[in-house]
Amino acid sequence: MADALPLLEEANRASKKHASLRFVGTQVLDAYRKAGKSAEVAKLIDDLLLADARRALPKDSPQLAGLLAQSGMTLLEMNDFAEAEPLLREALAIREKKAPDD
């Protein structure tokens, strides 16, 4: 894994020039998750997933809430509670507003 991570990072940087290669970022995120590097995972979640979603989706959309919840759960699994909490609170607030009876 130690040898793979720098190569994946390099591929991720190169993939930003080509939309068809955006999947590389999720591969990097998964590699860091498997390596137990929660700080890197939190940064990639914010950079790769949430930044695009926040630009593309309304701030109170159920799709954004789902992505926030999924990201928060990934961080919880890594015991990164401080990074997970604001994402999960935001997801909950959206869901309470948009689907209060669910």
N, C-alpha and C. Protein backbone atom coordinates (compact mmCIF):
# COMPACT_ATOMS: atom_id res chain seq x y z
N MET A 1 0.82 -1.19 0.00
CA MET A 1 0.00 0.00 0.00
C MET A 1 0.86 1.26 0.00
N ALA A 2 1.98 1.20 0.72
CA ALA A 2 2.85 2.37 0.78
C ALA A 2 3.37 2.76 -0.60
N ASP A 3 3.63 1.78 -1.45
CA ASP A 3 4.09 2.07 -2.80
C ASP A 3 2.95 2.52 -3.70
N ALA A 4 1.75 2.00 -3.45
CA ALA A 4 0.60 2.30 -4.31
C ALA A 4 0.06 3.71 -4.10
N LEU A 5 0.05 4.19 -2.88
CA LEU A 5 -0.57 5.49 -2.59
C LEU A 5 0.05 6.65 -3.38
N PRO A 6 1.37 6.77 -3.44
CA PRO A 6 1.93 7.87 -4.25
C PRO A 6 1.57 7.75 -5.73
N LEU A 7 1.51 6.53 -6.23
CA LEU A 7 1.13 6.34 -7.63
C LEU A 7 -0.32 6.71 -7.87
N LEU A 8 -1.18 6.33 -6.93
CA LEU A 8 -2.59 6.70 -7.05
C LEU A 8 -2.77 8.21 -6.96
N GLU A 9 -2.02 8.85 -6.08
CA GLU A 9 -2.09 10.31 -5.98
C GLU A 9 -1.68 10.97 -7.30
N GLU A 10 -0.62 10.46 -7.89
CA GLU A 10 -0.16 11.00 -9.17
C GLU A 10 -1.23 10.79 -10.25
N ALA A 11 -1.82 9.62 -10.28
CA ALA A 11 -2.88 9.35 -11.26
C ALA A 11 -4.08 10.25 -11.00
N ASN A 12 -4.39 10.50 -9.74
CA ASN A 12 -5.52 11.38 -9.41
C ASN A 12 -5.26 12.80 -9.90
N ARG A 13 -4.06 13.31 -9.68
CA ARG A 13 -3.73 14.65 -10.17
C ARG A 13 -3.86 14.73 -11.69
N ALA A 14 -3.38 13.72 -12.38
CA ALA A 14 -3.46 13.69 -13.84
C ALA A 14 -4.90 13.55 -14.32
N SER A 15 -5.72 12.85 -13.57
CA SER A 15 -7.11 12.60 -13.99
C SER A 15 -7.97 13.85 -13.95
N LYS A 16 -7.55 14.87 -13.24
CA LYS A 16 -8.35 16.09 -13.13
C LYS A 16 -8.48 16.82 -14.46
N LYS A 17 -7.62 16.48 -15.40
CA LYS A 17 -7.67 17.10 -16.73
C LYS A 17 -8.65 16.39 -17.66
N HIS A 18 -9.12 15.21 -17.24
CA HIS A 18 -9.99 14.41 -18.10
C HIS A 18 -11.19 13.92 -17.30
N ALA A 19 -12.36 14.40 -17.64
CA ALA A 19 -13.58 14.06 -16.90
C ALA A 19 -13.84 12.55 -16.87
N SER A 20 -13.46 11.86 -17.91
CA SER A 20 -13.72 10.42 -17.97
C SER A 20 -12.87 9.63 -16.96
N LEU A 21 -11.90 10.27 -16.36
CA LEU A 21 -11.03 9.59 -15.39
C LEU A 21 -11.28 10.01 -13.95
N ARG A 22 -12.42 10.64 -13.70
CA ARG A 22 -12.72 11.12 -12.35
C ARG A 22 -12.82 9.97 -11.34
N PHE A 23 -13.09 8.77 -11.81
CA PHE A 23 -13.20 7.62 -10.91
C PHE A 23 -11.90 7.35 -10.16
N VAL A 24 -10.78 7.84 -10.67
CA VAL A 24 -9.50 7.60 -10.02
C VAL A 24 -9.51 8.18 -8.60
N GLY A 25 -10.17 9.32 -8.43
CA GLY A 25 -10.24 9.93 -7.10
C GLY A 25 -10.89 9.02 -6.08
N THR A 26 -11.94 8.32 -6.48
CA THR A 26 -12.59 7.40 -5.54
C THR A 26 -11.69 6.21 -5.22
N GLN A 27 -10.86 5.83 -6.18
CA GLN A 27 -9.90 4.76 -5.92
C GLN A 27 -8.86 5.20 -4.88
N VAL A 28 -8.42 6.44 -4.99
CA VAL A 28 -7.47 6.98 -4.02
C VAL A 28 -8.12 7.04 -2.64
N LEU A 29 -9.35 7.52 -2.60
CA LEU A 29 -10.08 7.59 -1.33
C LEU A 29 -10.19 6.21 -0.70
N ASP A 30 -10.55 5.22 -1.48
CA ASP A 30 -10.69 3.86 -0.97
C ASP A 30 -9.35 3.31 -0.47
N ALA A 31 -8.28 3.62 -1.18
CA ALA A 31 -6.96 3.16 -0.75
C ALA A 31 -6.57 3.78 0.59
N TYR A 32 -6.82 5.07 0.74
CA TYR A 32 -6.53 5.71 2.02
C TYR A 32 -7.41 5.15 3.14
N ARG A 33 -8.66 4.86 2.82
CA ARG A 33 -9.56 4.26 3.82
C ARG A 33 -9.01 2.92 4.28
N LYS A 34 -8.60 2.09 3.32
CA LYS A 34 -8.05 0.77 3.66
C LYS A 34 -6.75 0.89 4.44
N ALA A 35 -5.99 1.95 4.19
CA ALA A 35 -4.73 2.16 4.90
C ALA A 35 -4.95 2.79 6.28
N GLY A 36 -6.21 3.16 6.57
CA GLY A 36 -6.52 3.75 7.87
C GLY A 36 -6.09 5.19 8.03
N LYS A 37 -5.94 5.90 6.94
CA LYS A 37 -5.48 7.29 6.98
C LYS A 37 -6.69 8.23 6.95
N SER A 38 -7.27 8.46 8.12
CA SER A 38 -8.54 9.19 8.20
C SER A 38 -8.41 10.65 7.80
N ALA A 39 -7.29 11.29 8.08
CA ALA A 39 -7.15 12.70 7.69
C ALA A 39 -7.20 12.85 6.17
N GLU A 40 -6.53 11.94 5.48
CA GLU A 40 -6.54 11.98 4.02
C GLU A 40 -7.92 11.66 3.47
N VAL A 41 -8.60 10.71 4.11
CA VAL A 41 -9.96 10.36 3.68
C VAL A 41 -10.88 11.55 3.84
N ALA A 42 -10.81 12.23 4.97
CA ALA A 42 -11.67 13.39 5.21
C ALA A 42 -11.42 14.48 4.17
N LYS A 43 -10.16 14.72 3.85
CA LYS A 43 -9.83 15.74 2.85
C LYS A 43 -10.36 15.34 1.47
N LEU A 44 -10.18 14.09 1.10
CA LEU A 44 -10.65 13.64 -0.21
C LEU A 44 -12.17 13.64 -0.30
N ILE A 45 -12.83 13.28 0.79
CA ILE A 45 -14.30 13.33 0.79
C ILE A 45 -14.74 14.76 0.49
N ASP A 46 -14.11 15.70 1.17
CA ASP A 46 -14.48 17.10 0.96
C ASP A 46 -14.11 17.56 -0.46
N ASP A 47 -12.91 17.25 -0.90
CA ASP A 47 -12.43 17.71 -2.21
C ASP A 47 -13.13 17.02 -3.38
N LEU A 48 -13.29 15.71 -3.29
CA LEU A 48 -13.79 14.94 -4.42
C LEU A 48 -15.30 14.84 -4.47
N LEU A 49 -15.89 14.56 -3.34
CA LEU A 49 -17.32 14.27 -3.33
C LEU A 49 -18.18 15.48 -2.99
N LEU A 50 -17.90 16.06 -1.87
CA LEU A 50 -18.81 17.10 -1.37
C LEU A 50 -18.68 18.41 -2.12
N ALA A 51 -17.50 18.77 -2.53
CA ALA A 51 -17.34 20.05 -3.25
C ALA A 51 -18.16 20.05 -4.53
N ASP A 52 -18.08 18.98 -5.30
CA ASP A 52 -18.86 18.89 -6.54
C ASP A 52 -20.35 18.83 -6.23
N ALA A 53 -20.72 18.05 -5.24
CA ALA A 53 -22.15 17.91 -4.89
C ALA A 53 -22.72 19.23 -4.42
N ARG A 54 -21.97 19.98 -3.65
CA ARG A 54 -22.47 21.27 -3.15
C ARG A 54 -22.65 22.27 -4.29
N ARG A 55 -21.83 22.16 -5.32
CA ARG A 55 -22.00 23.03 -6.49
C ARG A 55 -23.18 22.60 -7.35
N ALA A 56 -23.39 21.30 -7.47
CA ALA A 56 -24.38 20.77 -8.41
C ALA A 56 -25.78 20.63 -7.82
N LEU A 57 -25.87 20.46 -6.52
CA LEU A 57 -27.17 20.16 -5.90
C LEU A 57 -27.64 21.32 -5.02
N PRO A 58 -28.96 21.46 -4.91
CA PRO A 58 -29.48 22.45 -3.96
C PRO A 58 -29.02 22.10 -2.54
N LYS A 59 -28.84 23.13 -1.71
CA LYS A 59 -28.28 22.88 -0.38
C LYS A 59 -29.19 22.08 0.53
N ASP A 60 -30.46 21.92 0.16
CA ASP A 60 -31.37 21.13 0.98
C ASP A 60 -31.90 19.91 0.23
N SER A 61 -31.14 19.41 -0.73
CA SER A 61 -31.61 18.28 -1.53
C SER A 61 -31.40 16.96 -0.80
N PRO A 62 -32.33 16.04 -0.95
CA PRO A 62 -32.17 14.71 -0.36
C PRO A 62 -30.92 13.99 -0.89
N GLN A 63 -30.55 14.25 -2.14
CA GLN A 63 -29.35 13.62 -2.69
C GLN A 63 -28.10 14.09 -1.94
N LEU A 64 -28.04 15.38 -1.63
CA LEU A 64 -26.92 15.89 -0.85
C LEU A 64 -26.92 15.28 0.54
N ALA A 65 -28.10 15.18 1.14
CA ALA A 65 -28.19 14.56 2.47
C ALA A 65 -27.67 13.14 2.45
N GLY A 66 -28.01 12.40 1.40
CA GLY A 66 -27.54 11.02 1.30
C GLY A 66 -26.04 10.94 1.18
N LEU A 67 -25.46 11.81 0.39
CA LEU A 67 -24.02 11.84 0.22
C LEU A 67 -23.31 12.25 1.51
N LEU A 68 -23.89 13.22 2.20
CA LEU A 68 -23.34 13.64 3.50
C LEU A 68 -23.38 12.49 4.50
N ALA A 69 -24.51 11.78 4.54
CA ALA A 69 -24.65 10.67 5.47
C ALA A 69 -23.66 9.55 5.14
N GLN A 70 -23.54 9.24 3.87
CA GLN A 70 -22.60 8.19 3.46
C GLN A 70 -21.17 8.59 3.80
N SER A 71 -20.81 9.83 3.56
CA SER A 71 -19.47 10.31 3.88
C SER A 71 -19.23 10.28 5.38
N GLY A 72 -20.22 10.72 6.13
CA GLY A 72 -20.11 10.69 7.59
C GLY A 72 -19.95 9.28 8.13
N MET A 73 -20.67 8.33 7.55
CA MET A 73 -20.55 6.94 8.00
C MET A 73 -19.15 6.38 7.69
N THR A 74 -18.60 6.75 6.56
CA THR A 74 -17.23 6.32 6.23
C THR A 74 -16.26 6.81 7.29
N LEU A 75 -16.42 8.07 7.68
CA LEU A 75 -15.54 8.64 8.70
C LEU A 75 -15.78 8.01 10.07
N LEU A 76 -17.03 7.69 10.38
CA LEU A 76 -17.32 7.00 11.65
C LEU A 76 -16.64 5.64 11.70
N GLU A 77 -16.69 4.92 10.58
CA GLU A 77 -16.05 3.61 10.52
C GLU A 77 -14.55 3.70 10.78
N MET A 78 -13.99 4.86 10.50
CA MET A 78 -12.56 5.07 10.72
C MET A 78 -12.29 5.70 12.09
N ASN A 79 -13.33 5.82 12.90
CA ASN A 79 -13.24 6.44 14.23
C ASN A 79 -12.83 7.90 14.17
N ASP A 80 -13.14 8.56 13.08
CA ASP A 80 -12.86 9.99 12.94
C ASP A 80 -14.14 10.76 13.26
N PHE A 81 -14.49 10.77 14.53
CA PHE A 81 -15.77 11.30 14.98
C PHE A 81 -15.89 12.81 14.76
N ALA A 82 -14.80 13.51 14.97
CA ALA A 82 -14.84 14.97 14.83
C ALA A 82 -15.14 15.39 13.39
N GLU A 83 -14.61 14.68 12.41
CA GLU A 83 -14.88 14.99 11.00
C GLU A 83 -16.27 14.51 10.58
N ALA A 84 -16.72 13.41 11.17
CA ALA A 84 -18.01 12.83 10.79
C ALA A 84 -19.19 13.64 11.33
N GLU A 85 -19.06 14.17 12.52
CA GLU A 85 -20.19 14.82 13.18
C GLU A 85 -20.84 15.94 12.36
N PRO A 86 -20.09 16.93 11.85
CA PRO A 86 -20.78 18.00 11.11
C PRO A 86 -21.47 17.50 9.84
N LEU A 87 -20.90 16.50 9.19
CA LEU A 87 -21.53 15.96 7.99
C LEU A 87 -22.85 15.27 8.34
N LEU A 88 -22.82 14.49 9.41
CA LEU A 88 -24.04 13.79 9.82
C LEU A 88 -25.10 14.75 10.36
N ARG A 89 -24.68 15.78 11.06
CA ARG A 89 -25.65 16.78 11.53
C ARG A 89 -26.30 17.52 10.37
N GLU A 90 -25.51 17.85 9.35
CA GLU A 90 -26.07 18.52 8.17
C GLU A 90 -27.05 17.59 7.43
N ALA A 91 -26.67 16.33 7.30
CA ALA A 91 -27.56 15.36 6.65
C ALA A 91 -28.88 15.23 7.43
N LEU A 92 -28.79 15.16 8.74
CA LEU A 92 -29.98 15.05 9.57
C LEU A 92 -30.87 16.29 9.43
N ALA A 93 -30.27 17.46 9.43
CA ALA A 93 -31.04 18.70 9.30
C ALA A 93 -31.80 18.74 7.98
N ILE A 94 -31.14 18.33 6.91
CA ILE A 94 -31.81 18.30 5.60
C ILE A 94 -32.96 17.31 5.62
N ARG A 95 -32.72 16.14 6.16
CA ARG A 95 -33.75 15.10 6.19
C ARG A 95 -34.91 15.48 7.09
N GLU A 96 -34.64 16.13 8.21
CA GLU A 96 -35.72 16.58 9.09
C GLU A 96 -36.59 17.61 8.39
N LYS A 97 -35.98 18.44 7.56
CA LYS A 97 -36.71 19.49 6.85
C LYS A 97 -37.49 18.91 5.66
N LYS A 98 -36.84 18.07 4.87
CA LYS A 98 -37.42 17.59 3.62
C LYS A 98 -38.30 16.36 3.79
N ALA A 99 -38.01 15.53 4.77
CA ALA A 99 -38.78 14.29 4.97
C ALA A 99 -38.97 14.03 6.46
N PRO A 100 -39.72 14.90 7.12
CA PRO A 100 -39.81 14.80 8.59
C PRO A 100 -40.47 13.51 9.11
N ASP A 101 -41.23 12.84 8.28
CA ASP A 101 -41.93 11.65 8.73
C ASP A 101 -41.23 10.36 8.35
N ASP A 102 -40.09 10.48 7.67
CA ASP A 102 -39.37 9.25 7.28
C ASP A 102 -38.58 8.70 8.45
